N, C-alpha and C. Protein backbone atom coordinates (compact mmCIF):
# COMPACT_ATOMS: atom_id res chain seq x y z
N UNK A 1 18.80 -15.63 -32.68
CA UNK A 1 18.15 -14.47 -32.63
C UNK A 1 17.70 -14.27 -31.05
N UNK A 2 17.61 -13.31 -30.64
CA UNK A 2 16.96 -13.10 -29.13
C UNK A 2 16.03 -12.29 -29.25
N UNK A 3 14.76 -12.45 -28.52
CA UNK A 3 13.55 -11.57 -28.53
C UNK A 3 13.76 -10.34 -27.81
N UNK A 4 13.47 -9.52 -28.05
CA UNK A 4 13.36 -8.35 -27.09
C UNK A 4 12.14 -8.02 -26.35
N UNK A 5 12.20 -8.10 -24.89
CA UNK A 5 10.93 -7.83 -24.21
C UNK A 5 10.50 -6.47 -24.11
N UNK A 6 8.99 -5.93 -24.39
CA UNK A 6 8.82 -4.58 -24.37
C UNK A 6 9.08 -3.84 -22.89
N UNK A 7 9.44 -2.68 -22.91
CA UNK A 7 9.69 -1.93 -21.86
C UNK A 7 8.24 -1.92 -20.88
N UNK A 8 8.56 -2.36 -19.85
CA UNK A 8 7.41 -2.16 -18.69
C UNK A 8 7.78 -1.53 -17.54
N UNK A 9 6.99 -0.13 -17.70
CA UNK A 9 7.59 0.76 -16.65
C UNK A 9 7.24 0.33 -15.05
N UNK A 10 8.02 0.65 -14.33
CA UNK A 10 7.64 0.39 -12.88
C UNK A 10 6.42 0.81 -12.40
N UNK A 11 5.45 0.54 -11.58
CA UNK A 11 4.29 0.95 -10.97
C UNK A 11 4.70 2.46 -10.46
N UNK A 12 3.62 3.32 -10.86
CA UNK A 12 3.74 4.64 -10.08
C UNK A 12 3.66 4.63 -8.87
N UNK A 13 4.17 5.57 -8.08
CA UNK A 13 4.11 5.58 -6.38
C UNK A 13 2.63 5.40 -6.02
N UNK A 14 1.86 6.21 -6.89
CA UNK A 14 0.33 6.20 -6.24
C UNK A 14 -0.28 5.00 -6.42
N UNK A 15 0.36 4.15 -7.52
CA UNK A 15 -0.42 2.71 -7.77
C UNK A 15 0.22 1.55 -6.64
N UNK A 16 1.12 2.20 -5.88
CA UNK A 16 1.62 1.02 -5.09
C UNK A 16 1.13 1.55 -3.48
N UNK A 17 0.01 0.97 -3.26
CA UNK A 17 -0.52 1.26 -1.88
C UNK A 17 -0.18 -0.10 -0.93
N UNK A 18 -0.24 0.42 0.39
CA UNK A 18 -0.08 -0.50 1.38
C UNK A 18 -0.67 -2.14 1.03
N UNK A 19 -1.95 -2.09 0.61
CA UNK A 19 -2.59 -3.35 0.28
C UNK A 19 -2.00 -3.82 -0.81
N UNK A 20 -1.62 -3.28 -1.97
CA UNK A 20 -1.20 -3.93 -3.08
C UNK A 20 0.23 -4.42 -2.66
N UNK A 21 1.07 -3.77 -1.90
CA UNK A 21 2.30 -4.29 -1.29
C UNK A 21 2.40 -5.42 -0.39
N UNK A 22 1.70 -5.58 0.55
CA UNK A 22 1.58 -6.48 1.52
C UNK A 22 0.68 -7.85 0.97
N UNK A 23 -0.45 -7.24 0.27
CA UNK A 23 -1.49 -8.23 -0.33
C UNK A 23 -0.90 -9.28 -1.32
N UNK A 24 0.23 -8.61 -2.16
CA UNK A 24 0.96 -9.44 -3.07
C UNK A 24 1.97 -10.67 -2.34
N UNK A 25 2.12 -10.16 -0.94
CA UNK A 25 3.12 -11.27 -0.39
C UNK A 25 2.67 -11.93 0.96
N UNK A 26 1.61 -11.77 1.26
CA UNK A 26 1.03 -12.43 2.39
C UNK A 26 -0.46 -12.81 2.17
N UNK A 27 -1.00 -13.82 2.79
CA UNK A 27 -2.07 -14.34 2.72
C UNK A 27 -3.49 -13.01 2.92
N UNK A 28 -4.37 -13.18 2.19
CA UNK A 28 -5.37 -12.07 1.95
C UNK A 28 -6.59 -12.83 2.43
N UNK A 29 -7.46 -12.47 3.37
CA UNK A 29 -8.78 -12.96 3.97
C UNK A 29 -9.75 -11.91 3.94
N UNK A 30 -11.16 -12.46 4.27
CA UNK A 30 -12.15 -11.26 4.16
C UNK A 30 -12.54 -11.20 5.80
N UNK A 31 -13.09 -9.75 6.56
CA UNK A 31 -13.61 -9.69 7.48
C UNK A 31 -14.61 -8.29 7.42
N UNK A 32 -15.24 -8.07 8.45
CA UNK A 32 -16.23 -7.24 8.31
C UNK A 32 -15.59 -5.95 8.91
N UNK A 33 -16.04 -4.81 9.07
CA UNK A 33 -15.31 -3.53 9.78
C UNK A 33 -15.51 -3.89 11.33
N UNK A 34 -16.37 -4.41 11.66
CA UNK A 34 -16.60 -4.64 13.24
C UNK A 34 -15.46 -5.55 13.54
N UNK A 35 -15.02 -6.66 12.73
CA UNK A 35 -13.88 -7.62 12.98
C UNK A 35 -12.75 -6.97 12.95
N UNK A 36 -12.28 -5.99 12.08
CA UNK A 36 -11.10 -5.39 11.88
C UNK A 36 -10.82 -4.28 13.05
N UNK A 37 -11.79 -3.47 13.64
CA UNK A 37 -11.81 -2.49 14.55
C UNK A 37 -10.62 -2.97 15.59
N UNK A 38 -10.94 -4.01 16.32
CA UNK A 38 -10.03 -4.43 17.27
C UNK A 38 -8.52 -4.47 16.93
N UNK A 39 -8.29 -5.09 15.70
CA UNK A 39 -6.99 -5.18 15.19
C UNK A 39 -6.46 -3.93 14.97
N UNK A 40 -7.23 -2.96 14.39
CA UNK A 40 -6.89 -1.63 14.18
C UNK A 40 -6.36 -0.93 15.42
N UNK A 41 -7.39 -0.89 16.46
CA UNK A 41 -7.04 -0.19 17.74
C UNK A 41 -5.66 -0.85 18.36
N UNK A 42 -5.49 -2.16 18.30
CA UNK A 42 -4.45 -3.06 18.98
C UNK A 42 -2.95 -2.05 18.29
N UNK A 43 -2.90 -1.94 17.12
CA UNK A 43 -1.86 -1.43 16.26
C UNK A 43 -1.72 -0.11 16.77
N UNK A 44 -2.69 0.70 16.85
CA UNK A 44 -2.50 1.96 17.37
C UNK A 44 -2.09 1.96 18.97
N UNK A 45 -2.57 0.95 19.78
CA UNK A 45 -2.10 1.06 21.12
C UNK A 45 -0.74 0.51 21.04
N UNK A 46 -0.08 -0.12 20.15
CA UNK A 46 1.43 -0.24 19.98
C UNK A 46 2.03 0.88 20.10
N UNK A 47 1.59 2.09 19.31
CA UNK A 47 2.28 3.35 19.35
C UNK A 47 2.43 3.92 20.69
N UNK A 48 1.81 3.44 21.68
CA UNK A 48 1.71 4.10 23.23
C UNK A 48 2.94 3.12 23.80
N UNK A 49 3.10 2.03 23.50
CA UNK A 49 3.85 1.02 24.16
C UNK A 49 5.46 1.33 24.09
N UNK A 50 6.20 0.92 25.07
CA UNK A 50 7.63 0.86 24.93
C UNK A 50 8.08 2.39 25.28
N UNK A 51 9.59 2.24 25.31
CA UNK A 51 10.11 3.50 25.74
C UNK A 51 10.29 4.39 24.60
N UNK A 52 10.68 3.80 23.13
CA UNK A 52 11.00 4.56 22.19
C UNK A 52 9.81 4.68 20.99
N UNK A 53 9.12 5.65 21.17
CA UNK A 53 7.93 5.75 20.30
C UNK A 53 7.99 5.56 18.80
N UNK A 54 7.22 4.98 18.29
CA UNK A 54 7.03 4.50 16.74
C UNK A 54 6.32 5.56 16.05
N UNK A 55 6.60 5.33 14.86
CA UNK A 55 5.68 6.17 13.77
C UNK A 55 4.62 5.30 13.43
N UNK A 56 3.14 6.33 13.28
CA UNK A 56 2.08 5.64 13.12
C UNK A 56 1.64 6.41 11.71
N UNK A 57 1.23 5.31 11.03
CA UNK A 57 0.57 6.04 9.81
C UNK A 57 -0.69 5.25 9.41
N UNK A 58 -1.85 5.99 9.18
CA UNK A 58 -3.27 5.37 9.07
C UNK A 58 -3.94 6.11 7.92
N UNK A 59 -4.73 5.16 7.10
CA UNK A 59 -5.42 5.39 5.96
C UNK A 59 -6.88 5.43 6.51
N UNK A 60 -7.77 6.34 6.31
CA UNK A 60 -9.20 6.37 7.10
C UNK A 60 -10.28 6.49 5.73
N UNK A 61 -9.79 6.22 4.40
CA UNK A 61 -10.52 6.32 3.33
C UNK A 61 -11.05 7.87 3.30
N UNK A 62 -12.06 8.16 4.37
CA UNK A 62 -12.94 9.35 4.20
C UNK A 62 -12.81 10.06 5.65
N UNK A 63 -12.62 11.16 5.76
CA UNK A 63 -12.63 12.04 6.66
C UNK A 63 -13.71 11.72 8.04
N UNK A 64 -14.85 11.19 7.60
CA UNK A 64 -15.90 10.91 8.68
C UNK A 64 -15.48 9.55 9.46
N UNK A 65 -14.39 8.96 9.09
CA UNK A 65 -13.85 7.59 9.92
C UNK A 65 -12.90 8.18 10.81
N UNK A 66 -12.34 9.50 10.87
CA UNK A 66 -11.37 10.01 11.67
C UNK A 66 -12.23 10.93 12.56
N UNK A 67 -12.68 10.10 13.43
CA UNK A 67 -13.98 10.63 14.49
C UNK A 67 -13.19 11.23 15.62
N UNK A 68 -14.10 11.91 16.35
CA UNK A 68 -13.32 12.55 17.48
C UNK A 68 -12.69 11.84 18.57
N UNK A 69 -13.14 10.51 18.57
CA UNK A 69 -12.30 9.60 19.54
C UNK A 69 -11.04 9.25 19.06
N UNK A 70 -11.10 8.89 17.84
CA UNK A 70 -9.86 8.66 16.95
C UNK A 70 -8.87 9.85 16.95
N UNK A 71 -9.35 11.03 16.77
CA UNK A 71 -8.76 12.42 16.83
C UNK A 71 -7.90 12.44 18.30
N UNK A 72 -8.70 12.20 19.25
CA UNK A 72 -8.11 12.17 20.64
C UNK A 72 -6.89 10.98 20.93
N UNK A 73 -7.36 9.88 20.33
CA UNK A 73 -6.21 9.14 20.41
C UNK A 73 -5.00 9.29 19.67
N UNK A 74 -5.17 9.74 18.30
CA UNK A 74 -3.82 10.11 17.75
C UNK A 74 -3.17 11.37 18.33
N UNK A 75 -3.98 12.18 19.02
CA UNK A 75 -3.16 13.49 19.42
C UNK A 75 -2.25 12.84 20.91
N UNK A 76 -2.81 12.08 21.21
CA UNK A 76 -2.07 11.40 22.59
C UNK A 76 -0.73 10.77 22.25
N UNK A 77 -1.03 10.21 20.86
CA UNK A 77 0.33 9.40 20.33
C UNK A 77 1.14 10.45 19.65
N UNK A 78 0.54 11.35 19.15
CA UNK A 78 1.68 12.58 18.42
C UNK A 78 2.26 13.44 19.51
N UNK A 79 1.83 13.27 20.64
CA UNK A 79 2.35 13.89 21.93
C UNK A 79 3.79 13.28 21.93
N UNK A 80 4.17 12.16 21.64
CA UNK A 80 5.46 11.46 21.89
C UNK A 80 5.98 10.82 20.66
N UNK A 81 5.32 10.83 19.68
CA UNK A 81 5.78 10.00 18.44
C UNK A 81 6.61 11.04 17.35
N UNK A 82 7.49 10.47 16.83
CA UNK A 82 8.19 11.29 15.87
C UNK A 82 7.27 11.67 14.72
N UNK A 83 6.47 10.85 14.11
CA UNK A 83 5.41 11.04 13.21
C UNK A 83 4.17 10.32 13.23
N UNK A 84 3.03 11.05 13.42
CA UNK A 84 1.80 10.37 13.16
C UNK A 84 1.19 11.29 12.07
N UNK A 85 0.32 10.14 11.25
CA UNK A 85 -0.36 10.55 10.04
C UNK A 85 -1.45 10.11 9.66
N UNK A 86 -2.16 11.07 9.03
CA UNK A 86 -3.78 10.43 8.71
C UNK A 86 -4.17 11.11 7.15
N UNK A 87 -4.50 9.82 6.47
CA UNK A 87 -4.70 10.23 4.97
C UNK A 87 -6.06 9.88 4.79
N UNK A 88 -6.80 10.72 4.16
CA UNK A 88 -8.10 10.34 3.62
C UNK A 88 -8.88 11.44 2.83
N UNK A 89 -9.98 10.91 2.07
CA UNK A 89 -10.54 12.08 1.56
C UNK A 89 -11.32 12.96 2.46
N UNK A 90 -11.24 14.32 2.38
CA UNK A 90 -11.71 15.16 3.31
C UNK A 90 -10.64 15.78 4.29
N UNK A 91 -9.63 15.15 4.45
CA UNK A 91 -8.79 15.46 5.63
C UNK A 91 -7.76 16.39 5.13
N UNK A 92 -7.57 17.35 6.11
CA UNK A 92 -6.63 18.39 5.86
C UNK A 92 -5.00 18.07 5.93
N UNK A 93 -4.23 18.99 5.72
CA UNK A 93 -2.73 18.49 5.78
C UNK A 93 -2.27 18.42 7.38
N UNK A 94 -3.15 19.06 8.13
CA UNK A 94 -2.96 18.67 9.73
C UNK A 94 -4.17 18.88 10.33
N UNK A 95 -5.04 17.57 10.17
CA UNK A 95 -6.07 17.47 10.62
C UNK A 95 -6.78 17.60 12.21
N UNK A 96 -5.57 17.42 12.94
CA UNK A 96 -5.36 18.09 14.41
C UNK A 96 -4.05 18.28 14.51
N UNK A 97 -3.80 19.24 15.61
CA UNK A 97 -2.49 19.77 15.96
C UNK A 97 -1.44 18.37 16.28
N UNK A 98 -0.39 18.35 15.43
CA UNK A 98 0.61 17.55 15.66
C UNK A 98 0.59 16.22 14.65
N UNK A 99 -0.61 16.12 13.99
CA UNK A 99 -0.87 15.00 13.09
C UNK A 99 -0.71 15.46 11.87
N UNK A 100 0.23 15.00 10.91
CA UNK A 100 0.24 15.20 9.44
C UNK A 100 -0.81 14.52 8.67
N UNK A 101 -1.25 15.15 7.60
CA UNK A 101 -2.34 14.65 6.81
C UNK A 101 -2.02 14.70 5.39
N UNK A 102 -3.05 14.15 4.89
CA UNK A 102 -3.03 14.04 3.27
C UNK A 102 -4.38 13.97 2.58
N UNK A 103 -4.84 14.89 2.07
CA UNK A 103 -6.07 14.87 1.28
C UNK A 103 -5.86 13.76 0.15
N UNK A 104 -6.78 12.62 0.04
CA UNK A 104 -6.87 11.95 -1.15
C UNK A 104 -7.91 12.46 -2.38
N UNK A 105 -7.48 12.40 -3.36
CA UNK A 105 -8.28 12.60 -4.69
C UNK A 105 -9.28 11.61 -4.87
N UNK A 106 -10.32 11.83 -5.39
CA UNK A 106 -11.24 11.03 -5.92
C UNK A 106 -10.80 9.64 -6.73
N UNK A 107 -9.91 10.04 -7.56
CA UNK A 107 -9.55 8.82 -8.36
C UNK A 107 -8.24 8.15 -7.79
N UNK A 108 -7.97 8.31 -6.35
CA UNK A 108 -6.62 7.78 -5.59
C UNK A 108 -6.96 6.21 -5.28
N UNK A 109 -6.30 5.36 -5.75
CA UNK A 109 -6.58 3.84 -5.21
C UNK A 109 -6.60 3.70 -3.76
N UNK A 110 -5.58 4.67 -3.17
CA UNK A 110 -5.76 4.55 -1.46
C UNK A 110 -7.43 5.07 -0.89
N UNK A 111 -7.97 5.54 -1.78
CA UNK A 111 -9.29 5.72 -1.00
C UNK A 111 -10.22 4.52 -0.71
N UNK A 112 -9.85 3.56 -1.21
CA UNK A 112 -10.44 2.11 -1.14
C UNK A 112 -9.78 1.56 0.03
N UNK A 113 -8.98 1.79 0.70
CA UNK A 113 -8.21 1.25 1.69
C UNK A 113 -8.25 1.89 3.30
N UNK A 114 -8.07 0.87 4.07
CA UNK A 114 -8.04 1.11 5.46
C UNK A 114 -6.59 0.38 6.07
N UNK A 115 -5.73 1.39 6.43
CA UNK A 115 -4.32 0.82 6.52
C UNK A 115 -4.01 1.54 7.86
N UNK A 116 -3.37 0.55 8.95
CA UNK A 116 -2.70 1.08 10.11
C UNK A 116 -1.40 0.65 9.95
N UNK A 117 -0.26 1.43 9.96
CA UNK A 117 1.07 1.05 9.87
C UNK A 117 1.93 1.59 11.22
N UNK A 118 2.63 0.70 12.20
CA UNK A 118 3.31 1.21 13.04
C UNK A 118 4.76 0.64 12.88
N UNK A 119 5.90 1.52 12.59
CA UNK A 119 7.24 1.22 12.78
C UNK A 119 8.06 1.94 13.83
N UNK A 120 8.58 1.25 14.56
CA UNK A 120 9.54 1.83 15.54
C UNK A 120 10.71 0.94 15.58
N UNK A 121 11.71 1.13 16.69
CA UNK A 121 13.03 0.55 16.68
C UNK A 121 12.78 -0.97 17.12
N UNK A 122 11.79 -1.25 17.88
CA UNK A 122 11.69 -2.52 18.21
C UNK A 122 10.36 -3.28 17.77
N UNK A 123 9.40 -2.61 16.83
CA UNK A 123 8.39 -3.63 16.47
C UNK A 123 7.90 -2.73 14.92
N UNK A 124 7.30 -3.59 14.31
CA UNK A 124 6.77 -3.25 13.21
C UNK A 124 5.42 -3.93 12.90
N UNK A 125 4.51 -3.48 12.37
CA UNK A 125 3.37 -4.10 11.98
C UNK A 125 2.35 -3.21 11.19
N UNK A 126 1.60 -4.03 10.29
CA UNK A 126 0.74 -3.50 9.42
C UNK A 126 -0.54 -4.25 9.15
N UNK A 127 -1.69 -3.34 9.32
CA UNK A 127 -3.01 -3.92 9.06
C UNK A 127 -3.24 -3.16 7.69
N UNK A 128 -3.52 -3.91 6.50
CA UNK A 128 -3.69 -3.47 5.38
C UNK A 128 -5.22 -3.97 4.96
N UNK A 129 -6.20 -3.43 4.39
CA UNK A 129 -7.43 -3.53 4.03
C UNK A 129 -7.85 -2.89 2.99
N UNK A 130 -8.62 -3.63 2.01
CA UNK A 130 -9.19 -3.22 0.85
C UNK A 130 -10.86 -3.22 1.07
N UNK A 131 -11.42 -2.08 0.95
CA UNK A 131 -12.96 -2.18 0.82
C UNK A 131 -13.52 -3.11 -0.38
N UNK A 132 -14.51 -3.67 0.07
CA UNK A 132 -15.16 -4.70 -0.98
C UNK A 132 -16.49 -3.69 -1.56
N UNK A 133 -16.58 -2.67 -0.97
CA UNK A 133 -17.85 -1.90 -1.72
C UNK A 133 -18.97 -2.06 -1.27
N UNK A 134 -19.22 -2.97 -0.24
CA UNK A 134 -20.54 -3.22 0.28
C UNK A 134 -21.49 -2.00 0.93
N UNK A 135 -22.82 -2.10 0.62
CA UNK A 135 -23.62 -0.97 0.97
C UNK A 135 -24.12 -1.64 2.45
N UNK A 136 -24.95 -0.88 3.06
CA UNK A 136 -25.69 -1.15 4.26
C UNK A 136 -24.97 -0.91 5.53
N UNK A 137 -25.21 -1.41 6.76
CA UNK A 137 -24.75 -0.94 7.82
C UNK A 137 -23.10 -0.83 7.92
N UNK A 138 -22.61 0.38 8.42
CA UNK A 138 -21.15 0.51 8.21
C UNK A 138 -20.35 -0.45 8.91
N UNK A 139 -20.86 -0.99 9.89
CA UNK A 139 -19.95 -2.05 10.75
C UNK A 139 -20.00 -3.42 9.92
N UNK A 140 -20.81 -3.55 9.04
CA UNK A 140 -20.99 -4.79 8.29
C UNK A 140 -20.30 -4.80 7.09
N UNK A 141 -19.52 -3.52 6.76
CA UNK A 141 -19.03 -3.47 5.50
C UNK A 141 -17.63 -4.63 5.41
N UNK A 142 -17.50 -5.08 4.24
CA UNK A 142 -16.55 -6.30 4.07
C UNK A 142 -15.26 -5.61 3.44
N UNK A 143 -14.10 -6.25 4.11
CA UNK A 143 -12.91 -5.78 3.63
C UNK A 143 -11.69 -7.19 3.44
N UNK A 144 -11.30 -7.06 2.40
CA UNK A 144 -10.07 -8.07 2.31
C UNK A 144 -8.95 -7.38 3.00
N UNK A 145 -8.24 -8.17 3.90
CA UNK A 145 -7.25 -7.67 4.55
C UNK A 145 -6.15 -8.77 4.79
N UNK A 146 -5.08 -8.10 5.41
CA UNK A 146 -3.75 -8.93 5.60
C UNK A 146 -3.06 -8.06 6.62
N UNK A 147 -2.37 -8.91 7.80
CA UNK A 147 -1.81 -8.34 8.70
C UNK A 147 -0.29 -8.78 8.89
N UNK A 148 0.68 -8.25 9.03
CA UNK A 148 2.01 -8.53 9.04
C UNK A 148 2.80 -7.81 9.80
N UNK A 149 3.84 -8.68 10.47
CA UNK A 149 5.01 -8.03 11.50
C UNK A 149 6.25 -8.05 10.71
N UNK A 150 6.24 -8.25 9.36
CA UNK A 150 7.68 -8.59 8.80
C UNK A 150 7.99 -7.20 8.29
N UNK A 151 9.31 -6.77 9.24
CA UNK A 151 9.55 -5.19 9.17
C UNK A 151 9.99 -4.61 7.86
N UNK A 152 10.62 -5.50 6.58
CA UNK A 152 10.81 -5.15 5.36
C UNK A 152 9.59 -4.81 4.68
N UNK A 153 8.76 -5.70 4.89
CA UNK A 153 7.41 -5.38 4.37
C UNK A 153 6.69 -4.25 5.10
N UNK A 154 6.49 -4.25 6.37
CA UNK A 154 6.04 -3.10 6.83
C UNK A 154 6.54 -1.66 6.55
N UNK A 155 7.96 -1.51 6.38
CA UNK A 155 8.58 -0.39 5.81
C UNK A 155 8.30 -0.11 4.64
N UNK A 156 8.28 -1.01 3.58
CA UNK A 156 7.78 -0.78 2.16
C UNK A 156 6.24 -0.20 2.13
N UNK A 157 5.61 -0.60 2.91
CA UNK A 157 4.08 0.03 2.84
C UNK A 157 3.99 1.11 3.46
N UNK A 158 5.05 1.50 4.52
CA UNK A 158 5.05 2.71 4.98
C UNK A 158 5.46 3.74 4.18
N UNK A 159 6.58 3.36 3.39
CA UNK A 159 7.30 4.21 2.35
C UNK A 159 6.26 4.61 1.49
N UNK A 160 5.44 3.80 0.90
CA UNK A 160 4.24 4.17 -0.13
C UNK A 160 3.30 5.08 0.26
N UNK A 161 3.32 5.41 1.60
CA UNK A 161 2.71 6.42 2.21
C UNK A 161 3.26 7.84 2.41
N UNK A 162 4.58 7.79 2.59
CA UNK A 162 5.03 9.07 2.78
C UNK A 162 5.38 10.02 1.96
N UNK A 163 5.44 9.77 0.80
CA UNK A 163 5.27 10.73 -0.38
C UNK A 163 4.17 11.53 -0.44
N UNK A 164 3.02 11.12 -0.11
CA UNK A 164 1.55 11.31 -0.05
C UNK A 164 1.25 12.70 1.12
N UNK A 165 2.36 12.84 2.15
CA UNK A 165 1.99 13.55 3.26
C UNK A 165 2.28 15.02 3.09
N UNK A 166 1.51 16.11 3.40
CA UNK A 166 1.80 17.34 3.23
C UNK A 166 3.37 17.54 4.16
N UNK A 167 4.06 18.40 3.66
CA UNK A 167 5.27 18.78 4.45
C UNK A 167 5.04 19.51 5.85
N UNK A 168 6.01 19.10 6.56
CA UNK A 168 5.61 19.43 7.91
C UNK A 168 5.85 21.02 8.04
N UNK A 169 5.14 21.89 8.66
CA UNK A 169 4.83 23.13 8.87
C UNK A 169 5.95 23.83 9.76
N UNK A 170 6.69 24.48 9.43
CA UNK A 170 7.79 25.16 10.27
C UNK A 170 6.94 26.17 11.38
N UNK A 171 7.41 26.14 12.58
CA UNK A 171 6.72 26.82 13.62
C UNK A 171 6.85 28.33 13.16
N UNK A 172 7.88 28.82 12.82
CA UNK A 172 8.07 30.22 12.57
C UNK A 172 7.37 30.69 11.27
N UNK A 173 6.79 29.85 10.59
CA UNK A 173 5.92 30.30 9.37
C UNK A 173 4.37 30.10 9.84
N UNK A 174 4.14 29.82 10.97
CA UNK A 174 2.83 29.68 11.22
C UNK A 174 2.11 30.88 11.60
N UNK A 175 0.95 31.43 11.25
CA UNK A 175 0.27 32.60 11.52
C UNK A 175 0.45 32.79 12.63
N UNK A 176 0.39 34.15 13.29
CA UNK A 176 0.71 34.77 14.69
C UNK A 176 -0.95 34.64 15.15
């Protein structure tokens, strides 16, 4: 007699966040926001490097983290990249011209993550981090994080975000 295992449904797309994907297969450690900022900026800078521009996907938790300085960097990257996206609570479908957006709902697991994902023909990198919920000074907030350059893993993390993005607006449908 063989036992039948109960059906276990696959995770819903909204449950498969970049941190869940990468953190399940790479070592995770802790760092403060101040320690993660240079890594985040380095990955953003990778989107400027090289002859073939990569895709840049980033999760900001909340619109207040998509600062004017960040908006300027992303606008510069979007000028030559096939896709630049910013996701976060309070962000719009197009937070700045040329950058696709996604507004995260209060119940979305992605709200607790800070992710920077770069995928191009010659490089792939992802910084995935989960907020530990600290209070106090913003730069001292702690995160669990992982960093990977494993192309297959980076692409899987990127795919988990793509379905959340607003569709690109066609120029002919833009208001005059």
